[in-house]
Structures are given as C-alpha cells and as structure tokens.
Amino acid sequence: MFGDPGHAYVYFTYGNHFCLNLTCEPAGVPAAVLVRAIEPREGIEEMKARRGVEKVQDVANGPGKLTKALGIGRELNGEDLVTSERLFLEEGEKPRRVGSSSRVGISSGTAYRWRYFAEGSRFVSPGKPSRG
C-alpha cells in the first residue's frame, strides 16, 4: 500500500480470501482503494466455475468473491496496472448516478462516505454500510 500509484495491492484477509486494492498516492503514503465488486463482461463462464455459482450477479459482488472469480492471488501484488498484461484497468461505461455510503465492516470512521458505487447496479456488493 506504500508503493507507487497505479499498482495492485493484494493481501490475504481473515485467513480466507484475497482483496484487491489500487494504490493511489505517491510512494511512501499509505493510500489505496478497495475494489469491492465488478460487473462481469467477459469470461463469465470461467468466473462462474471458479466461484461455483450460476447467477452472474453473484460472481464478483464482494471483495473476496471478485478476487476468486478473477483468479487474483498474492502473485499479483505490486502489479503495475498501466503496463501489465495480467492485471489492468479498462475504461468502461460511466454510471448514470454514483452513490456513496459509509464503508462496509468497519467500526471507526463511519461518518465518512468513502464507499462509492453505481446506483441501481445489481452487481454492487451486498455488504451493509457501517453505522456510527
């Protein structure tokens, strides 16, 4: 998380699954954005098989589900999201409306609305925002 901006920060959490973050500040500043969900557009059958689910909206609608569906593990930690051919970002459609809420699963900082999502999307992670 202290690395150059535009890189993957992948970590193992709760002894159960990986999470994908995108570093977003200069090297030495610990700042990253957790990717909580995606709307699958390609490779859907492979993602369903990795996750063992049938509904496309359940394939990657949570941080651990997302990394399992995409096959993301510790080996992609530090990957340059600009130059990599293994893990990268693509421009997509802009959502009509962007919603915000407090983050999910935290006990401090609940007053901050640092969770952003495409309002009305069936692919948004189902976690409930924290309450302060």
C-alpha atoms as a PDB file:
ATOM      1  CA  MET A   1       0.000   0.000   0.000  1.00  0.00           C
ATOM      2  CA  PHE A   2       3.029   2.293   0.364  1.00  0.00           C
ATOM      3  CA  GLY A   3       4.103   1.811  -3.265  1.00  0.00           C
ATOM      4  CA  ASP A   4       3.816   3.981  -6.339  1.00  0.00           C
ATOM      5  CA  PRO A   5       0.297   4.863  -7.506  1.00  0.00           C
ATOM      6  CA  GLY A   6      -1.369   2.660 -10.107  1.00  0.00           C
ATOM      7  CA  HIS A   7      -0.310  -0.689  -8.683  1.00  0.00           C
ATOM      8  CA  ALA A   8      -2.183  -3.621  -7.233  1.00  0.00           C
ATOM      9  CA  TYR A   9      -2.013  -4.139  -3.502  1.00  0.00           C
ATOM     10  CA  VAL A  10      -3.240  -7.693  -2.910  1.00  0.00           C
ATOM     11  CA  TYR A  11      -3.486  -9.071   0.594  1.00  0.00           C
ATOM     12  CA  PHE A  12      -4.928 -12.121   2.349  1.00  0.00           C
ATOM     13  CA  THR A  13      -7.579 -11.369   4.953  1.00  0.00           C
ATOM     14  CA  TYR A  14      -9.455 -13.248   7.643  1.00  0.00           C
ATOM     15  CA  GLY A  15      -7.407 -16.335   6.738  1.00  0.00           C
ATOM     16  CA  ASN A  16      -9.943 -16.859   3.987  1.00  0.00           C
ATOM     17  CA  HIS A  17      -9.636 -14.722   0.848  1.00  0.00           C
ATOM     18  CA  PHE A  18      -7.620 -12.133  -1.039  1.00  0.00           C
ATOM     19  CA  CYS A  19      -8.600  -8.496  -1.506  1.00  0.00           C
ATOM     20  CA  LEU A  20      -7.561  -6.210  -4.365  1.00  0.00           C
ATOM     21  CA  ASN A  21      -6.684  -2.583  -3.719  1.00  0.00           C
ATOM     22  CA  LEU A  22      -5.372   0.035  -6.148  1.00  0.00           C
ATOM     23  CA  THR A  23      -2.624   2.276  -4.802  1.00  0.00           C
ATOM     24  CA  CYS A  24      -3.396   5.929  -5.375  1.00  0.00           C
ATOM     25  CA  GLU A  25      -0.868   8.235  -3.682  1.00  0.00           C
ATOM     26  CA  PRO A  26       2.870   8.860  -4.083  1.00  0.00           C
ATOM     27  CA  ALA A  27       5.263   6.169  -2.832  1.00  0.00           C
ATOM     28  CA  GLY A  28       5.554   6.217   0.933  1.00  0.00           C
ATOM     29  CA  VAL A  29       1.974   7.399   1.501  1.00  0.00           C
ATOM     30  CA  PRO A  30      -0.293   4.509   2.567  1.00  0.00           C
ATOM     31  CA  ALA A  31      -3.391   5.025   0.423  1.00  0.00           C
ATOM     32  CA  ALA A  32      -5.368   2.604  -1.701  1.00  0.00           C
ATOM     33  CA  VAL A  33      -8.886   1.968  -2.944  1.00  0.00           C
ATOM     34  CA  LEU A  34     -10.504  -1.403  -2.248  1.00  0.00           C
ATOM     35  CA  VAL A  35     -12.225  -2.858  -5.302  1.00  0.00           C
ATOM     36  CA  ARG A  36     -15.397  -4.374  -3.825  1.00  0.00           C
ATOM     37  CA  ALA A  37     -17.177  -5.576  -6.967  1.00  0.00           C
ATOM     38  CA  ILE A  38     -17.223  -5.629 -10.755  1.00  0.00           C
ATOM     39  CA  GLU A  39     -19.814  -6.173 -13.443  1.00  0.00           C
ATOM     40  CA  PRO A  40     -18.548  -9.192 -15.394  1.00  0.00           C
ATOM     41  CA  ARG A  41     -18.476  -8.611 -19.152  1.00  0.00           C
ATOM     42  CA  GLU A  42     -16.057 -11.271 -20.441  1.00  0.00           C
ATOM     43  CA  GLY A  43     -15.022 -14.704 -19.220  1.00  0.00           C
ATOM     44  CA  ILE A  44     -18.258 -15.087 -17.291  1.00  0.00           C
ATOM     45  CA  GLU A  45     -18.432 -18.883 -17.546  1.00  0.00           C
ATOM     46  CA  GLU A  46     -14.866 -19.244 -16.231  1.00  0.00           C
ATOM     47  CA  MET A  47     -15.657 -16.868 -13.358  1.00  0.00           C
ATOM     48  CA  LYS A  48     -18.831 -18.814 -12.519  1.00  0.00           C
ATOM     49  CA  ALA A  49     -16.817 -22.039 -12.462  1.00  0.00           C
ATOM     50  CA  ARG A  50     -14.152 -20.565 -10.172  1.00  0.00           C
ATOM     51  CA  ARG A  51     -16.825 -19.351  -7.778  1.00  0.00           C
ATOM     52  CA  GLY A  52     -19.232 -22.287  -8.116  1.00  0.00           C
ATOM     53  CA  VAL A  53     -22.248 -20.051  -8.712  1.00  0.00           C
ATOM     54  CA  GLU A  54     -24.801 -19.720 -11.505  1.00  0.00           C
ATOM     55  CA  LYS A  55     -26.142 -16.172 -11.214  1.00  0.00           C
ATOM     56  CA  VAL A  56     -23.889 -13.666 -12.940  1.00  0.00           C
ATOM     57  CA  GLN A  57     -24.702 -11.003 -10.324  1.00  0.00           C
ATOM     58  CA  ASP A  58     -23.222 -13.296  -7.632  1.00  0.00           C
ATOM     59  CA  VAL A  59     -19.918 -13.889  -9.433  1.00  0.00           C
ATOM     60  CA  ALA A  60     -17.926 -10.873  -8.202  1.00  0.00           C
ATOM     61  CA  ASN A  61     -20.161  -8.816  -5.909  1.00  0.00           C
ATOM     62  CA  GLY A  62     -17.804  -8.718  -2.941  1.00  0.00           C
ATOM     63  CA  PRO A  63     -14.052  -8.238  -2.488  1.00  0.00           C
ATOM     64  CA  GLY A  64     -13.251 -11.905  -1.829  1.00  0.00           C
ATOM     65  CA  LYS A  65     -15.679 -13.105  -4.482  1.00  0.00           C
ATOM     66  CA  LEU A  66     -14.088 -10.742  -7.007  1.00  0.00           C
ATOM     67  CA  THR A  67     -10.534 -11.998  -6.471  1.00  0.00           C
ATOM     68  CA  LYS A  68     -11.634 -15.645  -6.590  1.00  0.00           C
ATOM     69  CA  ALA A  69     -13.646 -15.069  -9.777  1.00  0.00           C
ATOM     70  CA  LEU A  70     -10.720 -13.328 -11.464  1.00  0.00           C
ATOM     71  CA  GLY A  71      -8.053 -15.713 -10.153  1.00  0.00           C
ATOM     72  CA  ILE A  72      -6.243 -12.919  -8.301  1.00  0.00           C
ATOM     73  CA  GLY A  73      -3.787 -14.023  -5.645  1.00  0.00           C
ATOM     74  CA  ARG A  74      -0.680 -12.792  -3.868  1.00  0.00           C
ATOM     75  CA  GLU A  75       1.400 -13.270  -7.046  1.00  0.00           C
ATOM     76  CA  LEU A  76      -0.261 -10.134  -8.466  1.00  0.00           C
ATOM     77  CA  ASN A  77       0.670  -7.934  -5.512  1.00  0.00           C
ATOM     78  CA  GLY A  78       2.628  -4.953  -6.839  1.00  0.00           C
ATOM     79  CA  GLU A  79       1.487  -5.478 -10.439  1.00  0.00           C
ATOM     80  CA  ASP A  80       1.650  -2.254 -12.488  1.00  0.00           C
ATOM     81  CA  LEU A  81      -1.934  -1.672 -13.621  1.00  0.00           C
ATOM     82  CA  VAL A  82      -0.802   0.545 -16.504  1.00  0.00           C
ATOM     83  CA  THR A  83       1.758  -1.719 -18.174  1.00  0.00           C
ATOM     84  CA  SER A  84       0.714  -5.221 -17.083  1.00  0.00           C
ATOM     85  CA  GLU A  85      -0.942  -7.672 -19.442  1.00  0.00           C
ATOM     86  CA  ARG A  86      -2.023  -9.887 -16.487  1.00  0.00           C
ATOM     87  CA  LEU A  87      -3.979  -7.314 -14.469  1.00  0.00           C
ATOM     88  CA  PHE A  88      -5.102  -3.945 -15.779  1.00  0.00           C
ATOM     89  CA  LEU A  89      -7.933  -1.434 -15.816  1.00  0.00           C
ATOM     90  CA  GLU A  90     -10.098  -0.610 -18.794  1.00  0.00           C
ATOM     91  CA  GLU A  91     -12.367   2.352 -19.257  1.00  0.00           C
ATOM     92  CA  GLY A  92     -15.984   1.341 -19.034  1.00  0.00           C
ATOM     93  CA  GLU A  93     -19.355   2.970 -19.254  1.00  0.00           C
ATOM     94  CA  LYS A  94     -19.918   5.795 -16.829  1.00  0.00           C
ATOM     95  CA  PRO A  95     -22.748   5.096 -14.385  1.00  0.00           C
ATOM     96  CA  ARG A  96     -25.788   7.345 -14.609  1.00  0.00           C
ATOM     97  CA  ARG A  97     -25.611   8.040 -10.902  1.00  0.00           C
ATOM     98  CA  VAL A  98     -22.879   7.387  -8.378  1.00  0.00           C
ATOM     99  CA  GLY A  99     -23.997   6.656  -4.830  1.00  0.00           C
ATOM    100  CA  SER A 100     -21.959   6.857  -1.666  1.00  0.00           C
ATOM    101  CA  SER A 101     -22.170   5.443   1.838  1.00  0.00           C
ATOM    102  CA  SER A 102     -20.004   4.684   4.811  1.00  0.00           C
ATOM    103  CA  ARG A 103     -17.627   1.785   4.295  1.00  0.00           C
ATOM    104  CA  VAL A 104     -18.631  -1.813   4.990  1.00  0.00           C
ATOM    105  CA  GLY A 105     -17.417  -3.754   8.026  1.00  0.00           C
ATOM    106  CA  ILE A 106     -15.628  -1.003   9.945  1.00  0.00           C
ATOM    107  CA  SER A 107     -16.112   0.369  13.443  1.00  0.00           C
ATOM    108  CA  SER A 108     -14.235   3.681  13.222  1.00  0.00           C
ATOM    109  CA  GLY A 109     -14.527   6.379  10.587  1.00  0.00           C
ATOM    110  CA  THR A 110     -18.171   5.544   9.989  1.00  0.00           C
ATOM    111  CA  ALA A 111     -19.026   9.219   9.449  1.00  0.00           C
ATOM    112  CA  TYR A 112     -17.031   9.246   6.204  1.00  0.00           C
ATOM    113  CA  ARG A 113     -18.861   8.361   2.995  1.00  0.00           C
ATOM    114  CA  TRP A 114     -15.893   6.675   1.332  1.00  0.00           C
ATOM    115  CA  ARG A 115     -17.777   3.851  -0.398  1.00  0.00           C
ATOM    116  CA  TYR A 116     -18.812   4.712  -3.958  1.00  0.00           C
ATOM    117  CA  PHE A 117     -20.946   2.596  -6.266  1.00  0.00           C
ATOM    118  CA  ALA A 118     -23.103   2.697  -9.384  1.00  0.00           C
ATOM    119  CA  GLU A 119     -26.593   3.328  -8.033  1.00  0.00           C
ATOM    120  CA  GLY A 120     -29.099   0.685  -9.033  1.00  0.00           C
ATOM    121  CA  SER A 121     -26.486  -1.800 -10.253  1.00  0.00           C
ATOM    122  CA  ARG A 122     -27.278  -5.420  -9.446  1.00  0.00           C
ATOM    123  CA  PHE A 123     -23.518  -6.057  -9.292  1.00  0.00           C
ATOM    124  CA  VAL A 124     -22.814  -3.831  -6.261  1.00  0.00           C
ATOM    125  CA  SER A 125     -21.525  -5.781  -3.257  1.00  0.00           C
ATOM    126  CA  PRO A 126     -24.343  -6.582  -0.837  1.00  0.00           C
ATOM    127  CA  GLY A 127     -22.469  -5.551   2.338  1.00  0.00           C
ATOM    128  CA  LYS A 128     -24.338  -3.145   4.557  1.00  0.00           C
ATOM    129  CA  PRO A 129     -22.705   0.238   5.262  1.00  0.00           C
ATOM    130  CA  SER A 130     -21.388   0.660   8.797  1.00  0.00           C
ATOM    131  CA  ARG A 131     -23.319   2.816  11.210  1.00  0.00           C
ATOM    132  CA  GLY A 132     -21.668   5.291  13.562  1.00  0.00           C
END
